[in-house]
Each structure stands twice: as structure tokens, then as C-alpha cells.
Amino acid sequence: MERITDKNLQALCDRINRIKGAPMEPYSKGEDGRYVANVGNYHLSHAYGGVSLECMCNEGGGVSTPLGFGHITKRDLWNRMQAYITGLEDR
């Protein structure tokens, strides 16, 4: 079984952003020099020894977890992200 790395997960995350037409980076610098959250961006979060897919919900940096799980193993997240992509592409 092939090891799932952060690079593998980031590639899937980038693919989701392209499919959804979402910004590729979670934050961008505004005209005033302050960072602003890019609403709609999908990105990875690492905590508690696991990883999660998050979607930026508002300009203040609030996030949702579109897969409905907390931080899980890389392999588990990879499988769930693959299923999520299949659902997006089947629309």
C-alpha cells in the first residue's frame, strides 16, 4: 500500500479548488496591506496528529468542514477527498 503524504493531499485539495473555481490560497493581502481570507478556498488543516479538509466561509477566516469530520488520518482523508471529487465531477 502506497504511503499518503501531505503532497498527495495538497494535490487533491488543489484539484477541488480548480473544480469549484475557488481561490488557490486561503489568504491574500488586501489593498490596505492586511490579510483577508479568500472565501470558498479549500485547504488542509493539521492538528491532533491528523489532517482535515476545510473550506473558508467568511473574510474573517471562519471555516467549515465539508466532509463533516474532524482531524483524521491522511489515508482516511485521501479516500474521502477522492469520493468528494467524484461527486463534484458527476454533477
N, C-alpha and C. Protein backbone atom coordinates (compact mmCIF):
# COMPACT_ATOMS: atom_id res chain seq x y z
N MET A 1 0.85 -1.18 0.00
CA MET A 1 0.00 0.00 0.00
C MET A 1 0.90 1.24 0.00
N GLU A 2 0.61 2.18 -0.89
CA GLU A 2 1.41 3.40 -1.02
C GLU A 2 1.11 4.36 0.14
N ARG A 3 2.17 4.98 0.63
CA ARG A 3 2.04 5.95 1.72
C ARG A 3 1.39 7.24 1.20
N ILE A 4 0.45 7.79 1.96
CA ILE A 4 -0.21 9.05 1.61
C ILE A 4 0.55 10.17 2.30
N THR A 5 0.99 11.16 1.53
CA THR A 5 1.78 12.27 2.05
C THR A 5 0.97 13.57 2.00
N ASP A 6 1.52 14.60 2.65
CA ASP A 6 0.90 15.93 2.57
C ASP A 6 0.83 16.40 1.12
N LYS A 7 1.83 16.04 0.33
CA LYS A 7 1.86 16.43 -1.08
C LYS A 7 0.70 15.79 -1.84
N ASN A 8 0.39 14.52 -1.56
CA ASN A 8 -0.75 13.85 -2.18
C ASN A 8 -2.06 14.56 -1.82
N LEU A 9 -2.21 14.89 -0.55
CA LEU A 9 -3.43 15.56 -0.09
C LEU A 9 -3.55 16.96 -0.68
N GLN A 10 -2.43 17.68 -0.77
CA GLN A 10 -2.45 19.03 -1.33
C GLN A 10 -2.85 19.00 -2.80
N ALA A 11 -2.40 17.97 -3.53
CA ALA A 11 -2.77 17.84 -4.94
C ALA A 11 -4.29 17.67 -5.08
N LEU A 12 -4.89 16.88 -4.20
CA LEU A 12 -6.35 16.71 -4.24
C LEU A 12 -7.05 18.00 -3.85
N CYS A 13 -6.52 18.70 -2.87
CA CYS A 13 -7.09 19.97 -2.43
C CYS A 13 -7.05 20.98 -3.58
N ASP A 14 -5.93 21.06 -4.27
CA ASP A 14 -5.81 21.96 -5.42
C ASP A 14 -6.81 21.59 -6.51
N ARG A 15 -6.99 20.29 -6.70
CA ARG A 15 -7.97 19.83 -7.71
C ARG A 15 -9.38 20.27 -7.35
N ILE A 16 -9.74 20.16 -6.08
CA ILE A 16 -11.06 20.60 -5.63
C ILE A 16 -11.22 22.10 -5.88
N ASN A 17 -10.21 22.89 -5.55
CA ASN A 17 -10.28 24.34 -5.79
C ASN A 17 -10.47 24.64 -7.28
N ARG A 18 -9.78 23.90 -8.15
CA ARG A 18 -9.94 24.13 -9.60
C ARG A 18 -11.35 23.75 -10.06
N ILE A 19 -11.86 22.61 -9.60
CA ILE A 19 -13.21 22.17 -9.98
C ILE A 19 -14.25 23.20 -9.54
N LYS A 20 -14.09 23.73 -8.32
CA LYS A 20 -15.07 24.67 -7.78
C LYS A 20 -14.84 26.11 -8.24
N GLY A 21 -13.72 26.35 -8.94
CA GLY A 21 -13.40 27.72 -9.35
C GLY A 21 -13.08 28.60 -8.15
N ALA A 22 -12.50 28.00 -7.13
CA ALA A 22 -12.21 28.70 -5.87
C ALA A 22 -10.78 29.22 -5.87
N PRO A 23 -10.49 30.21 -5.03
CA PRO A 23 -9.11 30.70 -4.91
C PRO A 23 -8.18 29.56 -4.47
N MET A 24 -6.96 29.59 -4.96
CA MET A 24 -6.00 28.53 -4.64
C MET A 24 -5.33 28.73 -3.28
N GLU A 25 -5.30 29.95 -2.76
CA GLU A 25 -4.66 30.24 -1.48
C GLU A 25 -5.72 30.64 -0.45
N PRO A 26 -5.53 30.25 0.81
CA PRO A 26 -6.52 30.59 1.84
C PRO A 26 -6.59 32.09 2.15
N TYR A 27 -5.46 32.79 2.04
CA TYR A 27 -5.44 34.22 2.36
C TYR A 27 -4.74 35.00 1.26
N SER A 28 -5.14 36.26 1.10
CA SER A 28 -4.45 37.17 0.19
C SER A 28 -4.33 38.53 0.89
N LYS A 29 -3.36 39.28 0.44
CA LYS A 29 -3.11 40.60 1.03
C LYS A 29 -4.04 41.61 0.37
N GLY A 30 -4.80 42.33 1.19
CA GLY A 30 -5.70 43.34 0.69
C GLY A 30 -4.97 44.62 0.33
N GLU A 31 -5.69 45.56 -0.25
CA GLU A 31 -5.10 46.84 -0.65
C GLU A 31 -4.52 47.60 0.54
N ASP A 32 -5.07 47.36 1.72
CA ASP A 32 -4.59 48.05 2.92
C ASP A 32 -3.41 47.33 3.58
N GLY A 33 -2.93 46.24 2.96
CA GLY A 33 -1.80 45.51 3.50
C GLY A 33 -2.17 44.43 4.50
N ARG A 34 -3.43 44.34 4.84
CA ARG A 34 -3.90 43.32 5.77
C ARG A 34 -4.29 42.06 5.01
N TYR A 35 -4.13 40.92 5.67
CA TYR A 35 -4.52 39.66 5.05
C TYR A 35 -6.02 39.43 5.22
N VAL A 36 -6.64 38.96 4.14
CA VAL A 36 -8.06 38.69 4.13
C VAL A 36 -8.26 37.25 3.67
N ALA A 37 -9.18 36.55 4.32
CA ALA A 37 -9.48 35.17 3.95
C ALA A 37 -10.15 35.15 2.58
N ASN A 38 -9.76 34.20 1.75
CA ASN A 38 -10.37 34.01 0.42
C ASN A 38 -11.54 33.05 0.56
N VAL A 39 -12.75 33.62 0.62
CA VAL A 39 -13.96 32.83 0.80
C VAL A 39 -14.08 31.81 -0.34
N GLY A 40 -14.38 30.57 0.02
CA GLY A 40 -14.55 29.50 -0.95
C GLY A 40 -13.32 28.62 -1.10
N ASN A 41 -12.17 29.07 -0.59
CA ASN A 41 -10.94 28.30 -0.70
C ASN A 41 -11.00 27.03 0.15
N TYR A 42 -10.55 25.92 -0.44
CA TYR A 42 -10.39 24.66 0.29
C TYR A 42 -8.93 24.53 0.65
N HIS A 43 -8.66 24.14 1.88
CA HIS A 43 -7.28 23.98 2.35
C HIS A 43 -7.22 22.90 3.42
N LEU A 44 -6.01 22.49 3.73
CA LEU A 44 -5.80 21.43 4.72
C LEU A 44 -5.49 22.04 6.08
N SER A 45 -5.93 21.38 7.11
CA SER A 45 -5.63 21.77 8.49
C SER A 45 -5.00 20.56 9.18
N HIS A 46 -3.91 20.80 9.88
CA HIS A 46 -3.23 19.74 10.63
C HIS A 46 -3.35 20.04 12.13
N ALA A 47 -3.85 19.07 12.89
CA ALA A 47 -3.94 19.20 14.34
C ALA A 47 -4.21 17.83 14.95
N TYR A 48 -3.85 17.69 16.20
CA TYR A 48 -4.14 16.47 16.96
C TYR A 48 -3.60 15.21 16.29
N GLY A 49 -2.53 15.33 15.53
CA GLY A 49 -1.93 14.18 14.85
C GLY A 49 -2.68 13.75 13.60
N GLY A 50 -3.64 14.56 13.15
CA GLY A 50 -4.42 14.22 11.97
C GLY A 50 -4.51 15.40 11.02
N VAL A 51 -5.34 15.25 10.00
CA VAL A 51 -5.50 16.28 8.98
C VAL A 51 -6.97 16.37 8.60
N SER A 52 -7.39 17.55 8.17
CA SER A 52 -8.79 17.79 7.83
C SER A 52 -8.87 18.69 6.61
N LEU A 53 -9.93 18.54 5.82
CA LEU A 53 -10.22 19.44 4.71
C LEU A 53 -11.16 20.52 5.23
N GLU A 54 -10.77 21.78 5.03
CA GLU A 54 -11.61 22.91 5.47
C GLU A 54 -11.91 23.81 4.29
N CYS A 55 -13.04 24.50 4.39
CA CYS A 55 -13.45 25.48 3.37
C CYS A 55 -13.64 26.82 4.06
N MET A 56 -13.01 27.85 3.51
CA MET A 56 -13.10 29.19 4.08
C MET A 56 -14.53 29.72 3.87
N CYS A 57 -15.17 30.14 4.96
CA CYS A 57 -16.58 30.57 4.92
C CYS A 57 -16.78 32.07 4.88
N ASN A 58 -15.86 32.82 5.49
CA ASN A 58 -16.05 34.27 5.53
C ASN A 58 -14.69 34.97 5.53
N GLU A 59 -14.72 36.28 5.32
CA GLU A 59 -13.49 37.05 5.22
C GLU A 59 -12.73 37.14 6.54
N GLY A 60 -13.36 36.77 7.62
CA GLY A 60 -12.71 36.76 8.92
C GLY A 60 -11.91 35.49 9.19
N GLY A 61 -12.00 34.52 8.28
CA GLY A 61 -11.24 33.28 8.44
C GLY A 61 -12.03 32.12 9.01
N GLY A 62 -13.33 32.26 9.13
CA GLY A 62 -14.16 31.15 9.60
C GLY A 62 -14.16 30.03 8.59
N VAL A 63 -14.18 28.80 9.07
CA VAL A 63 -14.13 27.64 8.18
C VAL A 63 -15.25 26.66 8.47
N SER A 64 -15.55 25.84 7.47
CA SER A 64 -16.45 24.70 7.64
C SER A 64 -15.66 23.45 7.26
N THR A 65 -16.17 22.32 7.65
CA THR A 65 -15.56 21.05 7.27
C THR A 65 -16.53 20.33 6.34
N PRO A 66 -16.35 20.48 5.02
CA PRO A 66 -17.32 19.96 4.07
C PRO A 66 -17.49 18.44 4.11
N LEU A 67 -16.50 17.73 4.63
CA LEU A 67 -16.63 16.28 4.73
C LEU A 67 -17.25 15.85 6.04
N GLY A 68 -17.46 16.81 6.96
CA GLY A 68 -18.16 16.52 8.19
C GLY A 68 -17.37 15.76 9.24
N PHE A 69 -16.06 15.77 9.14
CA PHE A 69 -15.23 15.04 10.10
C PHE A 69 -14.22 16.00 10.70
N GLY A 70 -13.65 15.59 11.81
CA GLY A 70 -12.56 16.36 12.40
C GLY A 70 -11.25 15.96 11.75
N HIS A 71 -10.20 16.00 12.50
CA HIS A 71 -8.87 15.64 12.01
C HIS A 71 -8.73 14.12 12.05
N ILE A 72 -8.44 13.55 10.90
CA ILE A 72 -8.37 12.09 10.74
C ILE A 72 -7.03 11.72 10.09
N THR A 73 -6.81 10.45 9.88
CA THR A 73 -5.56 10.01 9.27
C THR A 73 -5.48 10.48 7.82
N LYS A 74 -4.27 10.58 7.31
CA LYS A 74 -4.07 11.02 5.93
C LYS A 74 -4.74 10.07 4.95
N ARG A 75 -4.63 8.78 5.17
CA ARG A 75 -5.24 7.81 4.26
C ARG A 75 -6.75 7.94 4.26
N ASP A 76 -7.34 8.07 5.42
CA ASP A 76 -8.79 8.22 5.52
C ASP A 76 -9.24 9.49 4.81
N LEU A 77 -8.52 10.60 5.03
CA LEU A 77 -8.88 11.85 4.35
C LEU A 77 -8.70 11.72 2.85
N TRP A 78 -7.63 11.08 2.40
CA TRP A 78 -7.40 10.90 0.96
C TRP A 78 -8.57 10.16 0.33
N ASN A 79 -9.03 9.09 0.96
CA ASN A 79 -10.18 8.32 0.44
C ASN A 79 -11.44 9.18 0.39
N ARG A 80 -11.68 9.95 1.42
CA ARG A 80 -12.88 10.79 1.46
C ARG A 80 -12.81 11.94 0.44
N MET A 81 -11.61 12.49 0.26
CA MET A 81 -11.45 13.55 -0.74
C MET A 81 -11.65 13.00 -2.15
N GLN A 82 -11.18 11.80 -2.40
CA GLN A 82 -11.40 11.16 -3.71
C GLN A 82 -12.90 11.01 -3.98
N ALA A 83 -13.64 10.57 -2.97
CA ALA A 83 -15.09 10.41 -3.11
C ALA A 83 -15.76 11.77 -3.33
N TYR A 84 -15.30 12.80 -2.63
CA TYR A 84 -15.84 14.15 -2.77
C TYR A 84 -15.62 14.66 -4.20
N ILE A 85 -14.43 14.44 -4.72
CA ILE A 85 -14.12 14.85 -6.10
C ILE A 85 -15.01 14.12 -7.09
N THR A 86 -15.22 12.83 -6.88
CA THR A 86 -16.10 12.06 -7.78
C THR A 86 -17.49 12.68 -7.79
N GLY A 87 -17.98 13.04 -6.61
CA GLY A 87 -19.30 13.67 -6.52
C GLY A 87 -19.34 15.01 -7.23
N LEU A 88 -18.30 15.82 -7.10
CA LEU A 88 -18.25 17.12 -7.78
C LEU A 88 -18.22 16.95 -9.29
N GLU A 89 -17.47 15.97 -9.76
CA GLU A 89 -17.33 15.77 -11.21
C GLU A 89 -18.55 15.13 -11.83
N ASP A 90 -19.37 14.47 -11.04
CA ASP A 90 -20.57 13.81 -11.56
C ASP A 90 -21.76 14.74 -11.71
N ARG A 91 -21.61 16.00 -11.30
CA ARG A 91 -22.71 16.96 -11.40
C ARG A 91 -23.12 17.21 -12.81
